Amino acid sequence: MTLLLIADTIPSGGLLDVGQAFSQSLAPFINAAIQAVLALGLAWLAWWLKSKWGIDIDQSQRDTLQTWLTNQASSLVADGAVRVSFGANGIPSISVDQNKLAQHAAEIGQHIPDAAAYFKLSPQLVAAKIVDKLPQVPAVASQMAGPPKQ
């Protein structure tokens, strides 16, 4: 019996009880409509914030990863782990010391763990991406251009 009395004293208006300003028979409908509008507005606001910040977070992680990959490629060149050679057809090829490449790729978890987790990168994929960045390193790019023409 007490439980029923307590339930009767709890207002049924939800967040805003605007329906009490109208007739007793319209109050529940007005309150429900206002609550629905509020719920839709909050859902739209949450979606908008997620889409807005999700794009920014994604771009920030991508920029961090690209910078780190370029730095690792440059570091491999500085360590002497990269060689550019030319085949008989004159097409350049890049060879990389695989041990040093694996060491550099494994460092992603120490240097940029958030980006590594965000993109779910394996050490093998990171190593491949570092190798892909090598032609962008100025020292490698100049070697790939070939020996000076005489």
N, C-alpha and C. Protein backbone atom coordinates (compact mmCIF):
# COMPACT_ATOMS: atom_id res chain seq x y z
N MET A 1 0.82 -1.19 0.00
CA MET A 1 0.00 0.00 0.00
C MET A 1 0.87 1.25 0.00
N THR A 2 1.94 1.25 0.78
CA THR A 2 2.83 2.39 0.85
C THR A 2 3.50 2.63 -0.49
N LEU A 3 3.86 1.54 -1.15
CA LEU A 3 4.50 1.64 -2.45
C LEU A 3 3.60 2.36 -3.45
N LEU A 4 2.33 2.08 -3.43
CA LEU A 4 1.40 2.75 -4.33
C LEU A 4 1.27 4.22 -4.01
N LEU A 5 1.30 4.57 -2.75
CA LEU A 5 1.20 5.97 -2.38
C LEU A 5 2.45 6.74 -2.83
N ILE A 6 3.61 6.10 -2.72
CA ILE A 6 4.84 6.76 -3.15
C ILE A 6 4.83 6.93 -4.66
N ALA A 7 4.39 5.91 -5.38
CA ALA A 7 4.34 5.99 -6.83
C ALA A 7 3.39 7.09 -7.29
N ASP A 8 2.34 7.32 -6.54
CA ASP A 8 1.41 8.37 -6.92
C ASP A 8 1.99 9.76 -6.70
N THR A 9 2.96 9.89 -5.81
CA THR A 9 3.51 11.21 -5.53
C THR A 9 4.66 11.58 -6.46
N ILE A 10 5.20 10.61 -7.23
CA ILE A 10 6.29 10.91 -8.14
C ILE A 10 5.72 11.58 -9.39
N PRO A 11 6.24 12.74 -9.78
CA PRO A 11 5.72 13.41 -10.96
C PRO A 11 6.04 12.59 -12.21
N SER A 12 5.11 12.56 -13.14
CA SER A 12 5.29 11.76 -14.35
C SER A 12 5.73 12.61 -15.53
N GLY A 13 6.15 13.81 -15.29
CA GLY A 13 6.49 14.71 -16.38
C GLY A 13 7.87 14.47 -16.98
N GLY A 14 8.69 13.67 -16.34
CA GLY A 14 10.03 13.43 -16.85
C GLY A 14 10.93 14.60 -16.54
N LEU A 15 11.76 15.00 -17.53
CA LEU A 15 12.68 16.10 -17.33
C LEU A 15 11.96 17.42 -17.13
N LEU A 16 10.99 17.67 -17.94
CA LEU A 16 10.20 18.90 -17.84
C LEU A 16 8.73 18.52 -17.71
N ASP A 17 8.07 19.11 -16.76
CA ASP A 17 6.65 18.83 -16.57
C ASP A 17 5.85 20.05 -17.02
N VAL A 18 5.84 20.25 -18.33
CA VAL A 18 5.14 21.40 -18.91
C VAL A 18 3.64 21.12 -19.00
N GLY A 19 3.28 19.85 -19.06
CA GLY A 19 1.87 19.47 -19.23
C GLY A 19 0.97 19.97 -18.12
N GLN A 20 1.52 20.22 -16.94
CA GLN A 20 0.70 20.69 -15.83
C GLN A 20 0.10 22.07 -16.10
N ALA A 21 0.64 22.79 -17.05
CA ALA A 21 0.09 24.10 -17.39
C ALA A 21 -1.17 23.97 -18.22
N PHE A 22 -1.44 22.78 -18.73
CA PHE A 22 -2.62 22.54 -19.56
C PHE A 22 -3.60 21.68 -18.79
N SER A 23 -4.63 21.26 -19.42
CA SER A 23 -5.66 20.46 -18.73
C SER A 23 -5.08 19.11 -18.33
N GLN A 24 -5.68 18.51 -17.33
CA GLN A 24 -5.20 17.24 -16.78
C GLN A 24 -5.22 16.14 -17.83
N SER A 25 -6.14 16.18 -18.76
CA SER A 25 -6.23 15.12 -19.76
C SER A 25 -5.16 15.27 -20.85
N LEU A 26 -4.68 16.49 -21.13
CA LEU A 26 -3.65 16.70 -22.15
C LEU A 26 -2.23 16.63 -21.60
N ALA A 27 -2.05 16.74 -20.30
CA ALA A 27 -0.74 16.80 -19.68
C ALA A 27 0.18 15.64 -20.08
N PRO A 28 -0.27 14.39 -20.03
CA PRO A 28 0.64 13.29 -20.39
C PRO A 28 1.09 13.35 -21.85
N PHE A 29 0.20 13.77 -22.73
CA PHE A 29 0.56 13.83 -24.16
C PHE A 29 1.55 14.96 -24.44
N ILE A 30 1.34 16.09 -23.80
CA ILE A 30 2.25 17.23 -23.99
C ILE A 30 3.62 16.90 -23.41
N ASN A 31 3.64 16.32 -22.22
CA ASN A 31 4.92 15.92 -21.62
C ASN A 31 5.64 14.90 -22.48
N ALA A 32 4.93 13.93 -23.03
CA ALA A 32 5.55 12.91 -23.88
C ALA A 32 6.12 13.53 -25.15
N ALA A 33 5.38 14.47 -25.73
CA ALA A 33 5.85 15.12 -26.95
C ALA A 33 7.12 15.94 -26.67
N ILE A 34 7.14 16.66 -25.58
CA ILE A 34 8.31 17.46 -25.23
C ILE A 34 9.51 16.55 -24.95
N GLN A 35 9.29 15.45 -24.25
CA GLN A 35 10.37 14.52 -23.97
C GLN A 35 10.91 13.89 -25.26
N ALA A 36 10.02 13.60 -26.20
CA ALA A 36 10.46 13.04 -27.49
C ALA A 36 11.32 14.04 -28.25
N VAL A 37 10.90 15.31 -28.26
CA VAL A 37 11.67 16.34 -28.94
C VAL A 37 13.04 16.50 -28.27
N LEU A 38 13.07 16.50 -26.95
CA LEU A 38 14.34 16.59 -26.23
C LEU A 38 15.24 15.39 -26.53
N ALA A 39 14.67 14.20 -26.56
CA ALA A 39 15.47 13.00 -26.83
C ALA A 39 16.03 13.05 -28.25
N LEU A 40 15.21 13.46 -29.21
CA LEU A 40 15.69 13.59 -30.58
C LEU A 40 16.79 14.65 -30.69
N GLY A 41 16.59 15.75 -30.01
CA GLY A 41 17.60 16.82 -30.03
C GLY A 41 18.91 16.36 -29.42
N LEU A 42 18.85 15.66 -28.31
CA LEU A 42 20.07 15.16 -27.69
C LEU A 42 20.75 14.09 -28.55
N ALA A 43 19.95 13.23 -29.17
CA ALA A 43 20.53 12.21 -30.06
C ALA A 43 21.22 12.87 -31.25
N TRP A 44 20.58 13.87 -31.83
CA TRP A 44 21.19 14.57 -32.95
C TRP A 44 22.48 15.27 -32.51
N LEU A 45 22.47 15.91 -31.34
CA LEU A 45 23.66 16.58 -30.83
C LEU A 45 24.79 15.58 -30.61
N ALA A 46 24.48 14.42 -30.04
CA ALA A 46 25.51 13.38 -29.83
C ALA A 46 26.07 12.91 -31.17
N TRP A 47 25.20 12.68 -32.14
CA TRP A 47 25.67 12.25 -33.47
C TRP A 47 26.56 13.32 -34.10
N TRP A 48 26.15 14.56 -34.01
CA TRP A 48 26.92 15.66 -34.61
C TRP A 48 28.28 15.77 -33.95
N LEU A 49 28.33 15.71 -32.64
CA LEU A 49 29.62 15.81 -31.93
C LEU A 49 30.53 14.63 -32.29
N LYS A 50 29.95 13.43 -32.37
CA LYS A 50 30.75 12.26 -32.72
C LYS A 50 31.29 12.39 -34.14
N SER A 51 30.46 12.79 -35.07
CA SER A 51 30.94 12.92 -36.45
C SER A 51 31.95 14.05 -36.59
N LYS A 52 31.73 15.14 -35.88
CA LYS A 52 32.65 16.26 -35.94
C LYS A 52 34.00 15.88 -35.35
N TRP A 53 34.01 15.37 -34.15
CA TRP A 53 35.26 15.05 -33.47
C TRP A 53 35.87 13.76 -33.99
N GLY A 54 35.05 12.85 -34.49
CA GLY A 54 35.58 11.61 -35.06
C GLY A 54 36.47 11.89 -36.25
N ILE A 55 36.08 12.83 -37.10
CA ILE A 55 36.88 13.18 -38.26
C ILE A 55 38.18 13.83 -37.81
N ASP A 56 38.10 14.73 -36.86
CA ASP A 56 39.31 15.40 -36.38
C ASP A 56 40.27 14.41 -35.73
N ILE A 57 39.76 13.49 -34.95
CA ILE A 57 40.61 12.50 -34.30
C ILE A 57 41.26 11.61 -35.34
N ASP A 58 40.50 11.18 -36.32
CA ASP A 58 41.03 10.34 -37.38
C ASP A 58 42.16 11.04 -38.12
N GLN A 59 41.97 12.29 -38.48
CA GLN A 59 43.00 13.04 -39.21
C GLN A 59 44.23 13.25 -38.35
N SER A 60 44.04 13.52 -37.09
CA SER A 60 45.18 13.71 -36.18
C SER A 60 46.00 12.43 -36.07
N GLN A 61 45.32 11.30 -35.93
CA GLN A 61 46.02 10.01 -35.85
C GLN A 61 46.76 9.72 -37.15
N ARG A 62 46.13 10.03 -38.27
CA ARG A 62 46.76 9.79 -39.58
C ARG A 62 48.01 10.66 -39.74
N ASP A 63 47.92 11.92 -39.36
CA ASP A 63 49.08 12.81 -39.45
C ASP A 63 50.23 12.33 -38.55
N THR A 64 49.89 11.91 -37.35
CA THR A 64 50.89 11.39 -36.43
C THR A 64 51.58 10.17 -37.03
N LEU A 65 50.80 9.26 -37.58
CA LEU A 65 51.37 8.05 -38.17
C LEU A 65 52.27 8.37 -39.36
N GLN A 66 51.81 9.25 -40.25
CA GLN A 66 52.60 9.59 -41.43
C GLN A 66 53.92 10.25 -41.06
N THR A 67 53.89 11.13 -40.09
CA THR A 67 55.13 11.78 -39.64
C THR A 67 56.08 10.77 -39.03
N TRP A 68 55.56 9.88 -38.21
CA TRP A 68 56.40 8.87 -37.59
C TRP A 68 57.01 7.94 -38.64
N LEU A 69 56.21 7.52 -39.63
CA LEU A 69 56.74 6.64 -40.69
C LEU A 69 57.86 7.33 -41.47
N THR A 70 57.68 8.60 -41.80
CA THR A 70 58.71 9.35 -42.52
C THR A 70 59.98 9.47 -41.67
N ASN A 71 59.83 9.72 -40.38
CA ASN A 71 60.99 9.82 -39.49
C ASN A 71 61.72 8.48 -39.39
N GLN A 72 60.98 7.39 -39.34
CA GLN A 72 61.61 6.07 -39.28
C GLN A 72 62.35 5.76 -40.58
N ALA A 73 61.77 6.14 -41.71
CA ALA A 73 62.45 5.93 -42.99
C ALA A 73 63.74 6.74 -43.05
N SER A 74 63.69 7.97 -42.61
CA SER A 74 64.89 8.82 -42.58
C SER A 74 65.94 8.25 -41.64
N SER A 75 65.51 7.70 -40.52
CA SER A 75 66.43 7.12 -39.56
C SER A 75 67.12 5.89 -40.15
N LEU A 76 66.39 5.09 -40.90
CA LEU A 76 67.00 3.92 -41.55
C LEU A 76 68.08 4.36 -42.54
N VAL A 77 67.80 5.43 -43.28
CA VAL A 77 68.78 5.96 -44.23
C VAL A 77 70.01 6.45 -43.48
N ALA A 78 69.80 7.17 -42.40
CA ALA A 78 70.91 7.70 -41.61
C ALA A 78 71.74 6.58 -40.99
N ASP A 79 71.09 5.46 -40.65
CA ASP A 79 71.80 4.32 -40.06
C ASP A 79 72.56 3.51 -41.12
N GLY A 80 72.39 3.85 -42.38
CA GLY A 80 73.06 3.11 -43.44
C GLY A 80 72.40 1.78 -43.76
N ALA A 81 71.13 1.64 -43.42
CA ALA A 81 70.41 0.39 -43.64
C ALA A 81 69.70 0.34 -44.99
N VAL A 82 69.84 1.39 -45.79
CA VAL A 82 69.13 1.47 -47.07
C VAL A 82 70.14 1.61 -48.20
N ARG A 83 69.96 0.81 -49.25
CA ARG A 83 70.82 0.92 -50.44
C ARG A 83 69.94 1.01 -51.68
N VAL A 84 70.34 1.86 -52.58
CA VAL A 84 69.65 1.99 -53.87
C VAL A 84 70.59 1.42 -54.92
N SER A 85 70.05 0.52 -55.72
CA SER A 85 70.84 -0.06 -56.81
C SER A 85 70.02 0.01 -58.09
N PHE A 86 70.72 -0.12 -59.22
CA PHE A 86 70.06 -0.05 -60.51
C PHE A 86 70.22 -1.38 -61.23
N GLY A 87 69.12 -1.87 -61.77
CA GLY A 87 69.16 -3.11 -62.53
C GLY A 87 69.70 -2.87 -63.92
N ALA A 88 69.80 -3.93 -64.69
CA ALA A 88 70.32 -3.85 -66.05
C ALA A 88 69.44 -2.95 -66.91
N ASN A 89 68.17 -2.89 -66.60
CA ASN A 89 67.25 -2.05 -67.37
C ASN A 89 67.24 -0.59 -66.89
N GLY A 90 68.06 -0.29 -65.87
CA GLY A 90 68.16 1.08 -65.38
C GLY A 90 67.10 1.46 -64.36
N ILE A 91 66.27 0.52 -63.95
CA ILE A 91 65.23 0.80 -62.96
C ILE A 91 65.82 0.65 -61.56
N PRO A 92 65.65 1.68 -60.72
CA PRO A 92 66.23 1.60 -59.37
C PRO A 92 65.44 0.65 -58.48
N SER A 93 66.15 0.03 -57.56
CA SER A 93 65.50 -0.80 -56.54
C SER A 93 66.11 -0.45 -55.19
N ILE A 94 65.29 -0.56 -54.16
CA ILE A 94 65.71 -0.22 -52.81
C ILE A 94 65.83 -1.51 -52.01
N SER A 95 66.95 -1.68 -51.34
CA SER A 95 67.11 -2.82 -50.43
C SER A 95 67.32 -2.26 -49.02
N VAL A 96 66.72 -2.95 -48.07
CA VAL A 96 66.74 -2.49 -46.68
C VAL A 96 67.22 -3.63 -45.79
N ASP A 97 68.07 -3.30 -44.83
CA ASP A 97 68.49 -4.28 -43.83
C ASP A 97 67.25 -4.69 -43.04
N GLN A 98 66.86 -5.95 -43.17
CA GLN A 98 65.60 -6.43 -42.58
C GLN A 98 65.61 -6.41 -41.05
N ASN A 99 66.77 -6.65 -40.45
CA ASN A 99 66.84 -6.61 -38.98
C ASN A 99 66.59 -5.20 -38.45
N LYS A 100 67.23 -4.22 -39.06
CA LYS A 100 67.03 -2.83 -38.62
C LYS A 100 65.61 -2.37 -38.93
N LEU A 101 65.06 -2.80 -40.07
CA LEU A 101 63.69 -2.45 -40.42
C LEU A 101 62.73 -3.02 -39.37
N ALA A 102 62.92 -4.25 -38.99
CA ALA A 102 62.05 -4.87 -37.98
C ALA A 102 62.16 -4.14 -36.64
N GLN A 103 63.39 -3.71 -36.28
CA GLN A 103 63.56 -2.97 -35.03
C GLN A 103 62.81 -1.64 -35.07
N HIS A 104 62.92 -0.94 -36.19
CA HIS A 104 62.23 0.35 -36.31
C HIS A 104 60.72 0.16 -36.32
N ALA A 105 60.24 -0.87 -36.99
CA ALA A 105 58.80 -1.13 -37.04
C ALA A 105 58.25 -1.49 -35.67
N ALA A 106 59.03 -2.21 -34.89
CA ALA A 106 58.57 -2.63 -33.56
C ALA A 106 58.47 -1.46 -32.59
N GLU A 107 59.11 -0.35 -32.89
CA GLU A 107 59.09 0.81 -31.99
C GLU A 107 57.77 1.58 -32.03
N ILE A 108 56.87 1.23 -32.93
CA ILE A 108 55.62 2.00 -33.05
C ILE A 108 54.83 1.97 -31.74
N GLY A 109 54.84 0.84 -31.06
CA GLY A 109 54.10 0.73 -29.81
C GLY A 109 54.66 1.60 -28.70
N GLN A 110 55.96 1.93 -28.79
CA GLN A 110 56.59 2.77 -27.77
C GLN A 110 56.40 4.26 -28.09
N HIS A 111 56.43 4.60 -29.37
CA HIS A 111 56.43 6.01 -29.75
C HIS A 111 55.03 6.58 -29.97
N ILE A 112 54.21 5.85 -30.71
CA ILE A 112 52.85 6.34 -30.99
C ILE A 112 51.83 5.22 -30.77
N PRO A 113 51.67 4.79 -29.52
CA PRO A 113 50.77 3.66 -29.25
C PRO A 113 49.31 3.94 -29.60
N ASP A 114 48.86 5.19 -29.46
CA ASP A 114 47.46 5.51 -29.76
C ASP A 114 47.17 5.33 -31.24
N ALA A 115 48.05 5.82 -32.08
CA ALA A 115 47.84 5.68 -33.53
C ALA A 115 47.95 4.22 -33.95
N ALA A 116 48.89 3.48 -33.36
CA ALA A 116 49.03 2.06 -33.69
C ALA A 116 47.76 1.29 -33.33
N ALA A 117 47.21 1.58 -32.18
CA ALA A 117 45.98 0.91 -31.76
C ALA A 117 44.79 1.37 -32.60
N TYR A 118 44.75 2.65 -32.91
CA TYR A 118 43.62 3.20 -33.68
C TYR A 118 43.51 2.55 -35.05
N PHE A 119 44.66 2.37 -35.73
CA PHE A 119 44.66 1.79 -37.06
C PHE A 119 44.90 0.28 -37.05
N LYS A 120 45.10 -0.32 -35.87
CA LYS A 120 45.31 -1.76 -35.71
C LYS A 120 46.44 -2.25 -36.61
N LEU A 121 47.62 -1.65 -36.44
CA LEU A 121 48.77 -1.94 -37.29
C LEU A 121 49.62 -3.07 -36.72
N SER A 122 49.94 -4.02 -37.58
CA SER A 122 50.86 -5.10 -37.20
C SER A 122 52.29 -4.65 -37.53
N PRO A 123 53.30 -5.26 -36.91
CA PRO A 123 54.69 -4.90 -37.22
C PRO A 123 55.03 -5.09 -38.70
N GLN A 124 54.47 -6.12 -39.33
CA GLN A 124 54.74 -6.36 -40.75
C GLN A 124 54.16 -5.24 -41.62
N LEU A 125 52.97 -4.80 -41.29
CA LEU A 125 52.36 -3.71 -42.05
C LEU A 125 53.13 -2.40 -41.84
N VAL A 126 53.56 -2.17 -40.62
CA VAL A 126 54.34 -0.97 -40.32
C VAL A 126 55.65 -0.99 -41.11
N ALA A 127 56.31 -2.15 -41.15
CA ALA A 127 57.57 -2.27 -41.91
C ALA A 127 57.33 -1.96 -43.38
N ALA A 128 56.25 -2.48 -43.93
CA ALA A 128 55.93 -2.21 -45.35
C ALA A 128 55.67 -0.73 -45.58
N LYS A 129 55.00 -0.08 -44.64
CA LYS A 129 54.72 1.35 -44.79
C LYS A 129 55.99 2.18 -44.67
N ILE A 130 56.92 1.75 -43.83
CA ILE A 130 58.20 2.46 -43.72
C ILE A 130 58.95 2.37 -45.05
N VAL A 131 58.98 1.17 -45.63
CA VAL A 131 59.65 0.98 -46.93
C VAL A 131 58.98 1.85 -48.00
N ASP A 132 57.67 1.96 -47.95
CA ASP A 132 56.95 2.81 -48.91
C ASP A 132 57.33 4.28 -48.77
N LYS A 133 57.73 4.69 -47.58
CA LYS A 133 58.13 6.08 -47.35
C LYS A 133 59.55 6.39 -47.81
N LEU A 134 60.37 5.37 -48.02
CA LEU A 134 61.78 5.60 -48.36
C LEU A 134 62.00 6.48 -49.59
N PRO A 135 61.25 6.32 -50.68
CA PRO A 135 61.48 7.20 -51.83
C PRO A 135 61.20 8.68 -51.55
N GLN A 136 60.51 8.98 -50.46
CA GLN A 136 60.22 10.37 -50.12
C GLN A 136 61.35 11.01 -49.31
N VAL A 137 62.27 10.19 -48.83
CA VAL A 137 63.42 10.72 -48.10
C VAL A 137 64.36 11.34 -49.14
N PRO A 138 64.77 12.59 -48.97
CA PRO A 138 65.57 13.27 -49.99
C PRO A 138 66.83 12.52 -50.41
N ALA A 139 67.54 11.90 -49.48
CA ALA A 139 68.77 11.19 -49.84
C ALA A 139 68.48 10.01 -50.76
N VAL A 140 67.40 9.31 -50.51
CA VAL A 140 67.03 8.17 -51.35
C VAL A 140 66.49 8.66 -52.68
N ALA A 141 65.69 9.71 -52.65
CA ALA A 141 65.13 10.24 -53.89
C ALA A 141 66.23 10.70 -54.84
N SER A 142 67.26 11.34 -54.30
CA SER A 142 68.35 11.81 -55.17
C SER A 142 69.14 10.63 -55.75
N GLN A 143 69.31 9.56 -54.96
CA GLN A 143 70.00 8.38 -55.48
C GLN A 143 69.16 7.68 -56.54
N MET A 144 67.84 7.67 -56.35
CA MET A 144 66.97 7.00 -57.32
C MET A 144 66.92 7.75 -58.64
N ALA A 145 67.26 9.02 -58.61
CA ALA A 145 67.27 9.80 -59.85
C ALA A 145 68.38 9.32 -60.78
N GLY A 146 69.32 8.60 -60.18
CA GLY A 146 70.40 8.01 -60.99
C GLY A 146 71.68 8.78 -60.86
N PRO A 147 72.73 8.19 -61.36
CA PRO A 147 74.02 8.87 -61.31
C PRO A 147 73.99 10.08 -62.21
N PRO A 148 74.82 11.07 -61.92
CA PRO A 148 74.82 12.27 -62.76
C PRO A 148 75.20 11.93 -64.20
N LYS A 149 74.51 12.53 -65.12
CA LYS A 149 74.77 12.32 -66.56
C LYS A 149 76.03 13.07 -66.94
N GLN A 150 76.82 12.42 -67.78
CA GLN A 150 78.07 13.06 -68.20
C GLN A 150 78.04 13.43 -69.64
